[in-house]
Amino acid sequence: MRYITPLKAAEGLGASHTGTQQHWMLTVTAVALAVLTPFFLWAVGGAIGLDHPGVVAHFSRPFPSVVTGLFIVIGLLHFILGTRIMIDDYLKGGARKLAIIASVALSWLVIAVTVFALAKLVLN
């Protein structure tokens, strides 16, 4: 006897109703990172070996600064999703909650600092 309704089977939602969404978000961010990585390497690689005014001039152009910002933000969102799944698998109780809070807070802190530093570099 099946205890799952046809609607629930069609929606594909698990017990927590978020597993499919998490999977798709991880997939979308992974594909975005796969596309952005060569552009990021090209954008940052162009600044290697330059002095400070050269780096400022390089990142003052829209393409390198936008690609770098997108790569950092999408990469850390992917990190948040991946660590959430890993923490859910291996930790329980209060340690799980603390690890999730620490992971998300650290990621958003890095995003904020990186975007601030990039904006300050671009606007100088």
PDB file of N, CA and C in Angstrom:
ATOM      1  N   MET A   1       0.838  -1.172   0.000  1.00  0.00           N
ATOM      2  CA  MET A   1       0.000   0.000   0.000  1.00  0.00           C
ATOM      3  C   MET A   1       0.888   1.242   0.000  1.00  0.00           C
ATOM      4  N   ARG A   2       0.554   2.190  -0.844  1.00  0.00           N
ATOM      5  CA  ARG A   2       1.307   3.452  -0.932  1.00  0.00           C
ATOM      6  C   ARG A   2       0.662   4.503  -0.056  1.00  0.00           C
ATOM      7  N   TYR A   3       1.505   5.174   0.699  1.00  0.00           N
ATOM      8  CA  TYR A   3       1.010   6.228   1.566  1.00  0.00           C
ATOM      9  C   TYR A   3       1.273   7.611   0.987  1.00  0.00           C
ATOM     10  N   ILE A   4       1.755   7.667  -0.226  1.00  0.00           N
ATOM     11  CA  ILE A   4       2.068   8.953  -0.849  1.00  0.00           C
ATOM     12  C   ILE A   4       0.980   9.258  -1.880  1.00  0.00           C
ATOM     13  N   THR A   5       0.507  10.482  -1.878  1.00  0.00           N
ATOM     14  CA  THR A   5      -0.534  10.869  -2.818  1.00  0.00           C
ATOM     15  C   THR A   5       0.095  11.151  -4.182  1.00  0.00           C
ATOM     16  N   PRO A   6      -0.694  11.074  -5.241  1.00  0.00           N
ATOM     17  CA  PRO A   6      -0.145  11.385  -6.565  1.00  0.00           C
ATOM     18  C   PRO A   6       0.405  12.810  -6.656  1.00  0.00           C
ATOM     19  N   LEU A   7      -0.229  13.761  -5.977  1.00  0.00           N
ATOM     20  CA  LEU A   7       0.258  15.141  -5.995  1.00  0.00           C
ATOM     21  C   LEU A   7       1.640  15.239  -5.352  1.00  0.00           C
ATOM     22  N   LYS A   8       1.809  14.574  -4.216  1.00  0.00           N
ATOM     23  CA  LYS A   8       3.099  14.612  -3.532  1.00  0.00           C
ATOM     24  C   LYS A   8       4.170  13.921  -4.376  1.00  0.00           C
ATOM     25  N   ALA A   9       3.824  12.857  -5.054  1.00  0.00           N
ATOM     26  CA  ALA A   9       4.785  12.178  -5.926  1.00  0.00           C
ATOM     27  C   ALA A   9       5.168  13.066  -7.107  1.00  0.00           C
ATOM     28  N   ALA A  10       4.202  13.819  -7.644  1.00  0.00           N
ATOM     29  CA  ALA A  10       4.480  14.696  -8.777  1.00  0.00           C
ATOM     30  C   ALA A  10       5.333  15.890  -8.363  1.00  0.00           C
ATOM     31  N   GLU A  11       5.107  16.418  -7.155  1.00  0.00           N
ATOM     32  CA  GLU A  11       5.893  17.556  -6.684  1.00  0.00           C
ATOM     33  C   GLU A  11       7.324  17.157  -6.364  1.00  0.00           C
ATOM     34  N   GLY A  12       7.515  15.902  -5.955  1.00  0.00           N
ATOM     35  CA  GLY A  12       8.858  15.424  -5.665  1.00  0.00           C
ATOM     36  C   GLY A  12       9.449  15.980  -4.387  1.00  0.00           C
ATOM     37  N   LEU A  13       8.607  16.405  -3.466  1.00  0.00           N
ATOM     38  CA  LEU A  13       9.098  16.976  -2.219  1.00  0.00           C
ATOM     39  C   LEU A  13       9.296  15.885  -1.186  1.00  0.00           C
ATOM     40  N   GLY A  14      10.383  15.968  -0.447  1.00  0.00           N
ATOM     41  CA  GLY A  14      10.661  15.010   0.609  1.00  0.00           C
ATOM     42  C   GLY A  14       9.979  15.426   1.898  1.00  0.00           C
ATOM     43  N   ALA A  15      10.459  14.871   3.002  1.00  0.00           N
ATOM     44  CA  ALA A  15       9.845  15.125   4.300  1.00  0.00           C
ATOM     45  C   ALA A  15       9.975  16.582   4.723  1.00  0.00           C
ATOM     46  N   SER A  16      11.087  17.212   4.395  1.00  0.00           N
ATOM     47  CA  SER A  16      11.276  18.597   4.818  1.00  0.00           C
ATOM     48  C   SER A  16      10.803  19.604   3.773  1.00  0.00           C
ATOM     49  N   HIS A  17      10.403  19.123   2.619  1.00  0.00           N
ATOM     50  CA  HIS A  17       9.890  19.950   1.521  1.00  0.00           C
ATOM     51  C   HIS A  17      10.912  20.912   0.947  1.00  0.00           C
ATOM     52  N   THR A  18      12.205  20.694   1.179  1.00  0.00           N
ATOM     53  CA  THR A  18      13.225  21.592   0.646  1.00  0.00           C
ATOM     54  C   THR A  18      14.340  20.864  -0.089  1.00  0.00           C
ATOM     55  N   GLY A  19      14.366  19.554  -0.060  1.00  0.00           N
ATOM     56  CA  GLY A  19      15.468  18.804  -0.668  1.00  0.00           C
ATOM     57  C   GLY A  19      15.609  19.042  -2.158  1.00  0.00           C
ATOM     58  N   THR A  20      14.502  19.057  -2.879  1.00  0.00           N
ATOM     59  CA  THR A  20      14.558  19.286  -4.317  1.00  0.00           C
ATOM     60  C   THR A  20      15.046  20.699  -4.624  1.00  0.00           C
ATOM     61  N   GLN A  21      14.568  21.656  -3.859  1.00  0.00           N
ATOM     62  CA  GLN A  21      14.997  23.042  -4.059  1.00  0.00           C
ATOM     63  C   GLN A  21      16.487  23.191  -3.769  1.00  0.00           C
ATOM     64  N   GLN A  22      16.968  22.568  -2.704  1.00  0.00           N
ATOM     65  CA  GLN A  22      18.398  22.633  -2.393  1.00  0.00           C
ATOM     66  C   GLN A  22      19.227  21.994  -3.504  1.00  0.00           C
ATOM     67  N   HIS A  23      18.752  20.860  -4.009  1.00  0.00           N
ATOM     68  CA  HIS A  23      19.473  20.183  -5.092  1.00  0.00           C
ATOM     69  C   HIS A  23      19.549  21.073  -6.329  1.00  0.00           C
ATOM     70  N   TRP A  24      18.440  21.685  -6.701  1.00  0.00           N
ATOM     71  CA  TRP A  24      18.437  22.533  -7.890  1.00  0.00           C
ATOM     72  C   TRP A  24      19.288  23.781  -7.701  1.00  0.00           C
ATOM     73  N   MET A  25      19.259  24.371  -6.510  1.00  0.00           N
ATOM     74  CA  MET A  25      20.094  25.549  -6.252  1.00  0.00           C
ATOM     75  C   MET A  25      21.574  25.185  -6.322  1.00  0.00           C
ATOM     76  N   LEU A  26      21.945  24.023  -5.782  1.00  0.00           N
ATOM     77  CA  LEU A  26      23.333  23.576  -5.886  1.00  0.00           C
ATOM     78  C   LEU A  26      23.713  23.336  -7.341  1.00  0.00           C
ATOM     79  N   THR A  27      22.809  22.753  -8.101  1.00  0.00           N
ATOM     80  CA  THR A  27      23.084  22.494  -9.514  1.00  0.00           C
ATOM     81  C   THR A  27      23.233  23.799 -10.293  1.00  0.00           C
ATOM     82  N   VAL A  28      22.338  24.740 -10.054  1.00  0.00           N
ATOM     83  CA  VAL A  28      22.393  26.020 -10.767  1.00  0.00           C
ATOM     84  C   VAL A  28      23.664  26.785 -10.417  1.00  0.00           C
ATOM     85  N   THR A  29      24.013  26.834  -9.131  1.00  0.00           N
ATOM     86  CA  THR A  29      25.230  27.550  -8.749  1.00  0.00           C
ATOM     87  C   THR A  29      26.478  26.834  -9.266  1.00  0.00           C
ATOM     88  N   ALA A  30      26.453  25.510  -9.323  1.00  0.00           N
ATOM     89  CA  ALA A  30      27.601  24.766  -9.857  1.00  0.00           C
ATOM     90  C   ALA A  30      27.791  25.053 -11.340  1.00  0.00           C
ATOM     91  N   VAL A  31      26.706  25.088 -12.095  1.00  0.00           N
ATOM     92  CA  VAL A  31      26.803  25.396 -13.528  1.00  0.00           C
ATOM     93  C   VAL A  31      27.269  26.841 -13.723  1.00  0.00           C
ATOM     94  N   ALA A  32      26.737  27.755 -12.920  1.00  0.00           N
ATOM     95  CA  ALA A  32      27.166  29.154 -13.019  1.00  0.00           C
ATOM     96  C   ALA A  32      28.656  29.283 -12.715  1.00  0.00           C
ATOM     97  N   LEU A  33      29.128  28.558 -11.713  1.00  0.00           N
ATOM     98  CA  LEU A  33      30.555  28.598 -11.387  1.00  0.00           C
ATOM     99  C   LEU A  33      31.400  27.967 -12.495  1.00  0.00           C
ATOM    100  N   ALA A  34      30.896  26.913 -13.105  1.00  0.00           N
ATOM    101  CA  ALA A  34      31.634  26.287 -14.209  1.00  0.00           C
ATOM    102  C   ALA A  34      31.778  27.255 -15.381  1.00  0.00           C
ATOM    103  N   VAL A  35      30.762  28.057 -15.627  1.00  0.00           N
ATOM    104  CA  VAL A  35      30.825  29.035 -16.709  1.00  0.00           C
ATOM    105  C   VAL A  35      31.701  30.229 -16.305  1.00  0.00           C
ATOM    106  N   LEU A  36      31.578  30.677 -15.064  1.00  0.00           N
ATOM    107  CA  LEU A  36      32.298  31.868 -14.615  1.00  0.00           C
ATOM    108  C   LEU A  36      33.781  31.633 -14.342  1.00  0.00           C
ATOM    109  N   THR A  37      34.177  30.417 -14.011  1.00  0.00           N
ATOM    110  CA  THR A  37      35.566  30.164 -13.608  1.00  0.00           C
ATOM    111  C   THR A  37      36.588  30.576 -14.655  1.00  0.00           C
ATOM    112  N   PRO A  38      36.440  30.214 -15.933  1.00  0.00           N
ATOM    113  CA  PRO A  38      37.447  30.677 -16.903  1.00  0.00           C
ATOM    114  C   PRO A  38      37.494  32.200 -17.025  1.00  0.00           C
ATOM    115  N   PHE A  39      36.344  32.844 -16.983  1.00  0.00           N
ATOM    116  CA  PHE A  39      36.311  34.306 -17.051  1.00  0.00           C
ATOM    117  C   PHE A  39      36.958  34.929 -15.818  1.00  0.00           C
ATOM    118  N   PHE A  40      36.719  34.325 -14.650  1.00  0.00           N
ATOM    119  CA  PHE A  40      37.332  34.807 -13.414  1.00  0.00           C
ATOM    120  C   PHE A  40      38.848  34.654 -13.476  1.00  0.00           C
ATOM    121  N   LEU A  41      39.310  33.504 -13.941  1.00  0.00           N
ATOM    122  CA  LEU A  41      40.762  33.297 -14.051  1.00  0.00           C
ATOM    123  C   LEU A  41      41.377  34.288 -15.031  1.00  0.00           C
ATOM    124  N   TRP A  42      40.680  34.571 -16.117  1.00  0.00           N
ATOM    125  CA  TRP A  42      41.181  35.544 -17.094  1.00  0.00           C
ATOM    126  C   TRP A  42      41.191  36.949 -16.495  1.00  0.00           C
ATOM    127  N   ALA A  43      40.115  37.297 -15.765  1.00  0.00           N
ATOM    128  CA  ALA A  43      40.009  38.643 -15.184  1.00  0.00           C
ATOM    129  C   ALA A  43      41.054  38.863 -14.104  1.00  0.00           C
ATOM    130  N   VAL A  44      41.234  37.895 -13.223  1.00  0.00           N
ATOM    131  CA  VAL A  44      42.203  38.048 -12.151  1.00  0.00           C
ATOM    132  C   VAL A  44      43.624  37.822 -12.669  1.00  0.00           C
ATOM    133  N   GLY A  45      43.766  36.923 -13.615  1.00  0.00           N
ATOM    134  CA  GLY A  45      45.088  36.671 -14.188  1.00  0.00           C
ATOM    135  C   GLY A  45      45.670  37.876 -14.892  1.00  0.00           C
ATOM    136  N   GLY A  46      44.804  38.719 -15.419  1.00  0.00           N
ATOM    137  CA  GLY A  46      45.270  39.941 -16.072  1.00  0.00           C
ATOM    138  C   GLY A  46      45.862  40.953 -15.102  1.00  0.00           C
ATOM    139  N   ALA A  47      45.565  40.794 -13.821  1.00  0.00           N
ATOM    140  CA  ALA A  47      46.078  41.733 -12.817  1.00  0.00           C
ATOM    141  C   ALA A  47      47.337  41.220 -12.133  1.00  0.00           C
ATOM    142  N   ILE A  48      47.704  39.984 -12.380  1.00  0.00           N
ATOM    143  CA  ILE A  48      48.888  39.416 -11.723  1.00  0.00           C
ATOM    144  C   ILE A  48      50.140  40.109 -12.247  1.00  0.00           C
ATOM    145  N   GLY A  49      50.974  40.531 -11.336  1.00  0.00           N
ATOM    146  CA  GLY A  49      52.225  41.184 -11.691  1.00  0.00           C
ATOM    147  C   GLY A  49      52.131  42.690 -11.878  1.00  0.00           C
ATOM    148  N   LEU A  50      50.928  43.235 -11.812  1.00  0.00           N
ATOM    149  CA  LEU A  50      50.766  44.683 -11.956  1.00  0.00           C
ATOM    150  C   LEU A  50      51.021  45.373 -10.622  1.00  0.00           C
ATOM    151  N   ASP A  51      51.466  46.608 -10.684  1.00  0.00           N
ATOM    152  CA  ASP A  51      51.597  47.386  -9.464  1.00  0.00           C
ATOM    153  C   ASP A  51      50.213  47.893  -9.047  1.00  0.00           C
ATOM    154  N   HIS A  52      50.134  48.591  -7.903  1.00  0.00           N
ATOM    155  CA  HIS A  52      48.838  49.012  -7.381  1.00  0.00           C
ATOM    156  C   HIS A  52      48.037  49.874  -8.355  1.00  0.00           C
ATOM    157  N   PRO A  53      48.629  50.890  -8.980  1.00  0.00           N
ATOM    158  CA  PRO A  53      47.837  51.659  -9.960  1.00  0.00           C
ATOM    159  C   PRO A  53      47.373  50.807 -11.147  1.00  0.00           C
ATOM    160  N   GLY A  54      48.169  49.835 -11.542  1.00  0.00           N
ATOM    161  CA  GLY A  54      47.770  48.946 -12.636  1.00  0.00           C
ATOM    162  C   GLY A  54      46.595  48.063 -12.256  1.00  0.00           C
ATOM    163  N   VAL A  55      46.607  47.564 -11.002  1.00  0.00           N
ATOM    164  CA  VAL A  55      45.492  46.739 -10.521  1.00  0.00           C
ATOM    165  C   VAL A  55      44.225  47.577 -10.423  1.00  0.00           C
ATOM    166  N   VAL A  56      44.349  48.796  -9.923  1.00  0.00           N
ATOM    167  CA  VAL A  56      43.186  49.689  -9.831  1.00  0.00           C
ATOM    168  C   VAL A  56      42.636  49.969 -11.228  1.00  0.00           C
ATOM    169  N   ALA A  57      43.528  50.230 -12.186  1.00  0.00           N
ATOM    170  CA  ALA A  57      43.083  50.482 -13.564  1.00  0.00           C
ATOM    171  C   ALA A  57      42.432  49.241 -14.165  1.00  0.00           C
ATOM    172  N   HIS A  58      42.993  48.065 -13.865  1.00  0.00           N
ATOM    173  CA  HIS A  58      42.447  46.811 -14.403  1.00  0.00           C
ATOM    174  C   HIS A  58      41.034  46.564 -13.877  1.00  0.00           C
ATOM    175  N   PHE A  59      40.858  46.705 -12.552  1.00  0.00           N
ATOM    176  CA  PHE A  59      39.543  46.430 -11.964  1.00  0.00           C
ATOM    177  C   PHE A  59      38.587  47.608 -12.069  1.00  0.00           C
ATOM    178  N   SER A  60      39.031  48.734 -12.590  1.00  0.00           N
ATOM    179  CA  SER A  60      38.120  49.843 -12.851  1.00  0.00           C
ATOM    180  C   SER A  60      37.289  49.605 -14.100  1.00  0.00           C
ATOM    181  N   ARG A  61      37.735  48.675 -14.923  1.00  0.00           N
ATOM    182  CA  ARG A  61      36.938  48.296 -16.093  1.00  0.00           C
ATOM    183  C   ARG A  61      35.778  47.420 -15.629  1.00  0.00           C
ATOM    184  N   PRO A  62      34.641  47.483 -16.310  1.00  0.00           N
ATOM    185  CA  PRO A  62      33.456  46.756 -15.835  1.00  0.00           C
ATOM    186  C   PRO A  62      33.599  45.235 -15.865  1.00  0.00           C
ATOM    187  N   PHE A  63      34.172  44.691 -16.927  1.00  0.00           N
ATOM    188  CA  PHE A  63      34.178  43.229 -17.067  1.00  0.00           C
ATOM    189  C   PHE A  63      34.928  42.526 -15.932  1.00  0.00           C
ATOM    190  N   PRO A  64      36.184  42.878 -15.638  1.00  0.00           N
ATOM    191  CA  PRO A  64      36.871  42.170 -14.554  1.00  0.00           C
ATOM    192  C   PRO A  64      36.210  42.344 -13.189  1.00  0.00           C
ATOM    193  N   SER A  65      35.703  43.526 -12.912  1.00  0.00           N
ATOM    194  CA  SER A  65      35.089  43.745 -11.599  1.00  0.00           C
ATOM    195  C   SER A  65      33.762  43.001 -11.467  1.00  0.00           C
ATOM    196  N   VAL A  66      32.935  43.004 -12.499  1.00  0.00           N
ATOM    197  CA  VAL A  66      31.645  42.305 -12.441  1.00  0.00           C
ATOM    198  C   VAL A  66      31.865  40.799 -12.362  1.00  0.00           C
ATOM    199  N   VAL A  67      32.773  40.273 -13.167  1.00  0.00           N
ATOM    200  CA  VAL A  67      33.040  38.829 -13.146  1.00  0.00           C
ATOM    201  C   VAL A  67      33.579  38.406 -11.783  1.00  0.00           C
ATOM    202  N   THR A  68      34.477  39.195 -11.218  1.00  0.00           N
ATOM    203  CA  THR A  68      35.034  38.862  -9.910  1.00  0.00           C
ATOM    204  C   THR A  68      33.952  38.899  -8.834  1.00  0.00           C
ATOM    205  N   GLY A  69      33.116  39.923  -8.853  1.00  0.00           N
ATOM    206  CA  GLY A  69      32.025  40.011  -7.882  1.00  0.00           C
ATOM    207  C   GLY A  69      31.040  38.864  -8.009  1.00  0.00           C
ATOM    208  N   LEU A  70      30.639  38.548  -9.234  1.00  0.00           N
ATOM    209  CA  LEU A  70      29.724  37.426  -9.449  1.00  0.00           C
ATOM    210  C   LEU A  70      30.325  36.109  -8.993  1.00  0.00           C
ATOM    211  N   PHE A  71      31.602  35.901  -9.313  1.00  0.00           N
ATOM    212  CA  PHE A  71      32.259  34.650  -8.945  1.00  0.00           C
ATOM    213  C   PHE A  71      32.304  34.481  -7.427  1.00  0.00           C
ATOM    214  N   ILE A  72      32.642  35.546  -6.713  1.00  0.00           N
ATOM    215  CA  ILE A  72      32.730  35.466  -5.253  1.00  0.00           C
ATOM    216  C   ILE A  72      31.347  35.235  -4.640  1.00  0.00           C
ATOM    217  N   VAL A  73      30.349  35.985  -5.078  1.00  0.00           N
ATOM    218  CA  VAL A  73      29.010  35.860  -4.495  1.00  0.00           C
ATOM    219  C   VAL A  73      28.410  34.493  -4.803  1.00  0.00           C
ATOM    220  N   ILE A  74      28.446  34.069  -6.051  1.00  0.00           N
ATOM    221  CA  ILE A  74      27.869  32.776  -6.414  1.00  0.00           C
ATOM    222  C   ILE A  74      28.662  31.640  -5.774  1.00  0.00           C
ATOM    223  N   GLY A  75      29.973  31.768  -5.737  1.00  0.00           N
ATOM    224  CA  GLY A  75      30.791  30.728  -5.109  1.00  0.00           C
ATOM    225  C   GLY A  75      30.488  30.569  -3.630  1.00  0.00           C
ATOM    226  N   LEU A  76      30.302  31.661  -2.934  1.00  0.00           N
ATOM    227  CA  LEU A  76      30.007  31.554  -1.508  1.00  0.00           C
ATOM    228  C   LEU A  76      28.565  31.127  -1.242  1.00  0.00           C
ATOM    229  N   LEU A  77      27.641  31.471  -2.122  1.00  0.00           N
ATOM    230  CA  LEU A  77      26.279  30.924  -1.987  1.00  0.00           C
ATOM    231  C   LEU A  77      26.298  29.412  -2.186  1.00  0.00           C
ATOM    232  N   HIS A  78      27.097  28.952  -3.130  1.00  0.00           N
ATOM    233  CA  HIS A  78      27.274  27.512  -3.347  1.00  0.00           C
ATOM    234  C   HIS A  78      27.906  26.875  -2.102  1.00  0.00           C
ATOM    235  N   PHE A  79      28.874  27.562  -1.510  1.00  0.00           N
ATOM    236  CA  PHE A  79      29.506  27.087  -0.284  1.00  0.00           C
ATOM    237  C   PHE A  79      28.493  26.964   0.851  1.00  0.00           C
ATOM    238  N   ILE A  80      27.620  27.957   0.995  1.00  0.00           N
ATOM    239  CA  ILE A  80      26.597  27.923   2.047  1.00  0.00           C
ATOM    240  C   ILE A  80      25.705  26.704   1.874  1.00  0.00           C
ATOM    241  N   LEU A  81      25.243  26.471   0.644  1.00  0.00           N
ATOM    242  CA  LEU A  81      24.361  25.330   0.394  1.00  0.00           C
ATOM    243  C   LEU A  81      25.069  24.004   0.647  1.00  0.00           C
ATOM    244  N   GLY A  82      26.308  23.894   0.191  1.00  0.00           N
ATOM    245  CA  GLY A  82      27.059  22.654   0.355  1.00  0.00           C
ATOM    246  C   GLY A  82      27.395  22.361   1.799  1.00  0.00           C
ATOM    247  N   THR A  83      27.813  23.376   2.544  1.00  0.00           N
ATOM    248  CA  THR A  83      28.127  23.133   3.951  1.00  0.00           C
ATOM    249  C   THR A  83      26.871  22.839   4.758  1.00  0.00           C
ATOM    250  N   ARG A  84      25.756  23.408   4.370  1.00  0.00           N
ATOM    251  CA  ARG A  84      24.495  23.111   5.067  1.00  0.00           C
ATOM    252  C   ARG A  84      24.155  21.629   4.933  1.00  0.00           C
ATOM    253  N   ILE A  85      24.321  21.085   3.742  1.00  0.00           N
ATOM    254  CA  ILE A  85      24.038  19.663   3.533  1.00  0.00           C
ATOM    255  C   ILE A  85      25.025  18.802   4.318  1.00  0.00           C
ATOM    256  N   MET A  86      26.307  19.174   4.283  1.00  0.00           N
ATOM    257  CA  MET A  86      27.320  18.414   5.004  1.00  0.00           C
ATOM    258  C   MET A  86      27.065  18.467   6.515  1.00  0.00           C
ATOM    259  N   ILE A  87      26.743  19.639   7.028  1.00  0.00           N
ATOM    260  CA  ILE A  87      26.475  19.781   8.464  1.00  0.00           C
ATOM    261  C   ILE A  87      25.233  18.985   8.855  1.00  0.00           C
ATOM    262  N   ASP A  88      24.192  19.023   8.031  1.00  0.00           N
ATOM    263  CA  ASP A  88      22.983  18.245   8.319  1.00  0.00           C
ATOM    264  C   ASP A  88      23.277  16.753   8.370  1.00  0.00           C
ATOM    265  N   ASP A  89      24.211  16.295   7.534  1.00  0.00           N
ATOM    266  CA  ASP A  89      24.537  14.866   7.492  1.00  0.00           C
ATOM    267  C   ASP A  89      25.347  14.409   8.701  1.00  0.00           C
ATOM    268  N   TYR A  90      26.228  15.252   9.219  1.00  0.00           N
ATOM    269  CA  TYR A  90      27.194  14.789  10.205  1.00  0.00           C
ATOM    270  C   TYR A  90      27.009  15.314  11.619  1.00  0.00           C
ATOM    271  N   LEU A  91      26.237  16.362  11.821  1.00  0.00           N
ATOM    272  CA  LEU A  91      26.066  16.911  13.165  1.00  0.00           C
ATOM    273  C   LEU A  91      24.598  16.877  13.575  1.00  0.00           C
ATOM    274  N   LYS A  92      24.374  16.819  14.879  1.00  0.00           N
ATOM    275  CA  LYS A  92      23.009  16.785  15.421  1.00  0.00           C
ATOM    276  C   LYS A  92      22.897  17.777  16.567  1.00  0.00           C
ATOM    277  N   GLY A  93      21.692  18.207  16.852  1.00  0.00           N
ATOM    278  CA  GLY A  93      21.406  19.029  18.020  1.00  0.00           C
ATOM    279  C   GLY A  93      21.980  20.426  17.950  1.00  0.00           C
ATOM    280  N   GLY A  94      22.471  20.888  19.105  1.00  0.00           N
ATOM    281  CA  GLY A  94      22.987  22.241  19.214  1.00  0.00           C
ATOM    282  C   GLY A  94      24.231  22.477  18.388  1.00  0.00           C
ATOM    283  N   ALA A  95      25.074  21.457  18.257  1.00  0.00           N
ATOM    284  CA  ALA A  95      26.283  21.597  17.435  1.00  0.00           C
ATOM    285  C   ALA A  95      25.909  21.847  15.980  1.00  0.00           C
ATOM    286  N   ARG A  96      24.849  21.204  15.522  1.00  0.00           N
ATOM    287  CA  ARG A  96      24.378  21.397  14.148  1.00  0.00           C
ATOM    288  C   ARG A  96      23.929  22.835  13.930  1.00  0.00           C
ATOM    289  N   LYS A  97      23.120  23.343  14.855  1.00  0.00           N
ATOM    290  CA  LYS A  97      22.627  24.714  14.737  1.00  0.00           C
ATOM    291  C   LYS A  97      23.775  25.722  14.778  1.00  0.00           C
ATOM    292  N   LEU A  98      24.707  25.516  15.699  1.00  0.00           N
ATOM    293  CA  LEU A  98      25.843  26.419  15.837  1.00  0.00           C
ATOM    294  C   LEU A  98      26.725  26.392  14.580  1.00  0.00           C
ATOM    295  N   ALA A  99      26.936  25.203  14.032  1.00  0.00           N
ATOM    296  CA  ALA A  99      27.771  25.078  12.831  1.00  0.00           C
ATOM    297  C   ALA A  99      27.102  25.743  11.624  1.00  0.00           C
ATOM    298  N   ILE A 100      25.798  25.600  11.491  1.00  0.00           N
ATOM    299  CA  ILE A 100      25.078  26.232  10.382  1.00  0.00           C
ATOM    300  C   ILE A 100      25.136  27.750  10.514  1.00  0.00           C
ATOM    301  N   ILE A 101      24.901  28.250  11.718  1.00  0.00           N
ATOM    302  CA  ILE A 101      24.956  29.699  11.942  1.00  0.00           C
ATOM    303  C   ILE A 101      26.354  30.220  11.650  1.00  0.00           C
ATOM    304  N   ALA A 102      27.379  29.527  12.127  1.00  0.00           N
ATOM    305  CA  ALA A 102      28.760  29.963  11.902  1.00  0.00           C
ATOM    306  C   ALA A 102      29.107  29.935  10.423  1.00  0.00           C
ATOM    307  N   SER A 103      28.697  28.896   9.716  1.00  0.00           N
ATOM    308  CA  SER A 103      28.989  28.769   8.286  1.00  0.00           C
ATOM    309  C   SER A 103      28.324  29.885   7.478  1.00  0.00           C
ATOM    310  N   VAL A 104      27.059  30.132   7.748  1.00  0.00           N
ATOM    311  CA  VAL A 104      26.326  31.160   7.010  1.00  0.00           C
ATOM    312  C   VAL A 104      26.862  32.550   7.362  1.00  0.00           C
ATOM    313  N   ALA A 105      27.125  32.795   8.642  1.00  0.00           N
ATOM    314  CA  ALA A 105      27.636  34.102   9.051  1.00  0.00           C
ATOM    315  C   ALA A 105      29.008  34.367   8.449  1.00  0.00           C
ATOM    316  N   LEU A 106      29.883  33.374   8.481  1.00  0.00           N
ATOM    317  CA  LEU A 106      31.209  33.541   7.897  1.00  0.00           C
ATOM    318  C   LEU A 106      31.121  33.795   6.393  1.00  0.00           C
ATOM    319  N   SER A 107      30.257  33.069   5.723  1.00  0.00           N
ATOM    320  CA  SER A 107      30.113  33.245   4.270  1.00  0.00           C
ATOM    321  C   SER A 107      29.610  34.640   3.924  1.00  0.00           C
ATOM    322  N   TRP A 108      28.581  35.109   4.624  1.00  0.00           N
ATOM    323  CA  TRP A 108      28.053  36.445   4.338  1.00  0.00           C
ATOM    324  C   TRP A 108      29.046  37.528   4.722  1.00  0.00           C
ATOM    325  N   LEU A 109      29.842  37.284   5.753  1.00  0.00           N
ATOM    326  CA  LEU A 109      30.892  38.237   6.111  1.00  0.00           C
ATOM    327  C   LEU A 109      31.924  38.337   4.988  1.00  0.00           C
ATOM    328  N   VAL A 110      32.327  37.203   4.456  1.00  0.00           N
ATOM    329  CA  VAL A 110      33.299  37.205   3.350  1.00  0.00           C
ATOM    330  C   VAL A 110      32.703  37.871   2.114  1.00  0.00           C
ATOM    331  N   ILE A 111      31.427  37.616   1.828  1.00  0.00           N
ATOM    332  CA  ILE A 111      30.768  38.274   0.694  1.00  0.00           C
ATOM    333  C   ILE A 111      30.771  39.791   0.896  1.00  0.00           C
ATOM    334  N   ALA A 112      30.387  40.238   2.079  1.00  0.00           N
ATOM    335  CA  ALA A 112      30.316  41.677   2.343  1.00  0.00           C
ATOM    336  C   ALA A 112      31.692  42.331   2.234  1.00  0.00           C
ATOM    337  N   VAL A 113      32.696  41.718   2.832  1.00  0.00           N
ATOM    338  CA  VAL A 113      34.044  42.289   2.794  1.00  0.00           C
ATOM    339  C   VAL A 113      34.581  42.314   1.366  1.00  0.00           C
ATOM    340  N   THR A 114      34.340  41.242   0.620  1.00  0.00           N
ATOM    341  CA  THR A 114      34.836  41.172  -0.754  1.00  0.00           C
ATOM    342  C   THR A 114      34.160  42.197  -1.649  1.00  0.00           C
ATOM    343  N   VAL A 115      32.846  42.318  -1.548  1.00  0.00           N
ATOM    344  CA  VAL A 115      32.129  43.286  -2.375  1.00  0.00           C
ATOM    345  C   VAL A 115      32.531  44.709  -1.990  1.00  0.00           C
ATOM    346  N   PHE A 116      32.704  44.957  -0.690  1.00  0.00           N
ATOM    347  CA  PHE A 116      33.161  46.281  -0.247  1.00  0.00           C
ATOM    348  C   PHE A 116      34.547  46.595  -0.803  1.00  0.00           C
ATOM    349  N   ALA A 117      35.459  45.635  -0.686  1.00  0.00           N
ATOM    350  CA  ALA A 117      36.825  45.856  -1.175  1.00  0.00           C
ATOM    351  C   ALA A 117      36.840  46.050  -2.678  1.00  0.00           C
ATOM    352  N   LEU A 118      36.049  45.275  -3.392  1.00  0.00           N
ATOM    353  CA  LEU A 118      35.981  45.415  -4.849  1.00  0.00           C
ATOM    354  C   LEU A 118      35.385  46.764  -5.247  1.00  0.00           C
ATOM    355  N   ALA A 119      34.332  47.183  -4.552  1.00  0.00           N
ATOM    356  CA  ALA A 119      33.711  48.488  -4.835  1.00  0.00           C
ATOM    357  C   ALA A 119      34.692  49.626  -4.530  1.00  0.00           C
ATOM    358  N   LYS A 120      35.411  49.506  -3.429  1.00  0.00           N
ATOM    359  CA  LYS A 120      36.376  50.538  -3.069  1.00  0.00           C
ATOM    360  C   LYS A 120      37.509  50.600  -4.109  1.00  0.00           C
ATOM    361  N   LEU A 121      37.927  49.433  -4.587  1.00  0.00           N
ATOM    362  CA  LEU A 121      38.972  49.380  -5.613  1.00  0.00           C
ATOM    363  C   LEU A 121      38.486  49.981  -6.921  1.00  0.00           C
ATOM    364  N   VAL A 122      37.248  49.678  -7.282  1.00  0.00           N
ATOM    365  CA  VAL A 122      36.703  50.153  -8.561  1.00  0.00           C
ATOM    366  C   VAL A 122      36.451  51.656  -8.515  1.00  0.00           C
ATOM    367  N   LEU A 123      35.984  52.171  -7.401  1.00  0.00           N
ATOM    368  CA  LEU A 123      35.601  53.577  -7.317  1.00  0.00           C
ATOM    369  C   LEU A 123      36.764  54.521  -7.018  1.00  0.00           C
ATOM    370  N   ASN A 124      37.948  53.979  -6.772  1.00  0.00           N
ATOM    371  CA  ASN A 124      39.115  54.852  -6.535  1.00  0.00           C
ATOM    372  C   ASN A 124      39.742  55.312  -7.812  1.00  0.00           C
TER     373      ASN A 124
END
